[in-house]
Amino acid sequence: MDKAKRTLVQFWLKKSQRDLTAAQKLAQELPDIAIYHCQQAAEKALKGFL
């Protein structure tokens, strides 16, 4: 994997991790918004994988 591709993968995985962190923080108070962030995290992780 070349450097540009690795950088792009890391970008998407970091964004995915931030969404998961947000979901964890929101889970108790705002579960519907937490679920949204979980979906976003999955989508961004998939973009990084592909």
Protein backbone atom coordinates (compact mmCIF):
# COMPACT_ATOMS: atom_id res chain seq x y z
CA MET A 1 0.00 0.00 0.00
CA ASP A 2 1.46 3.36 -0.96
CA LYS A 3 1.72 6.29 1.43
CA ALA A 4 -1.20 8.27 -0.03
CA LYS A 5 -3.55 5.31 0.27
CA ARG A 6 -2.39 4.58 3.83
CA THR A 7 -3.02 8.22 4.77
CA LEU A 8 -6.53 8.06 3.35
CA VAL A 9 -7.30 4.82 5.21
CA GLN A 10 -6.04 6.32 8.47
CA PHE A 11 -8.17 9.43 7.87
CA TRP A 12 -11.37 7.39 7.58
CA LEU A 13 -10.54 5.12 10.51
CA LYS A 14 -9.80 8.11 12.78
CA LYS A 15 -13.11 9.70 11.81
CA SER A 16 -14.84 6.41 12.52
CA GLN A 17 -13.22 6.20 15.95
CA ARG A 18 -14.40 9.72 16.80
CA ASP A 19 -17.96 8.74 15.90
CA LEU A 20 -17.73 5.69 18.16
CA THR A 21 -16.39 7.82 21.00
CA ALA A 22 -19.27 10.25 20.53
CA ALA A 23 -21.75 7.35 20.54
CA GLN A 24 -20.35 6.04 23.81
CA LYS A 25 -20.66 9.45 25.44
CA LEU A 26 -24.20 9.97 24.17
CA ALA A 27 -25.53 6.46 24.82
CA GLN A 28 -27.07 7.14 28.23
CA GLU A 29 -28.64 10.53 27.60
CA LEU A 30 -29.45 10.52 23.88
CA PRO A 31 -29.59 6.95 22.56
CA ASP A 32 -31.15 7.91 19.22
CA ILE A 33 -28.25 10.23 18.45
CA ALA A 34 -25.79 7.59 19.69
CA ILE A 35 -27.26 5.14 17.19
CA TYR A 36 -26.75 7.66 14.41
CA HIS A 37 -23.07 7.98 15.35
CA CYS A 38 -22.72 4.19 15.36
CA GLN A 39 -24.08 4.05 11.83
CA GLN A 40 -21.72 6.83 10.76
CA ALA A 41 -18.77 5.03 12.36
CA ALA A 42 -19.59 1.84 10.47
CA GLU A 43 -19.89 3.72 7.19
CA LYS A 44 -16.57 5.51 7.66
CA ALA A 45 -14.80 2.30 8.69
CA LEU A 46 -16.14 0.62 5.57
CA LYS A 47 -14.84 3.49 3.42
CA GLY A 48 -11.44 3.02 5.03
CA PHE A 49 -11.55 -0.70 4.37
CA LEU A 50 -12.56 -0.34 0.75
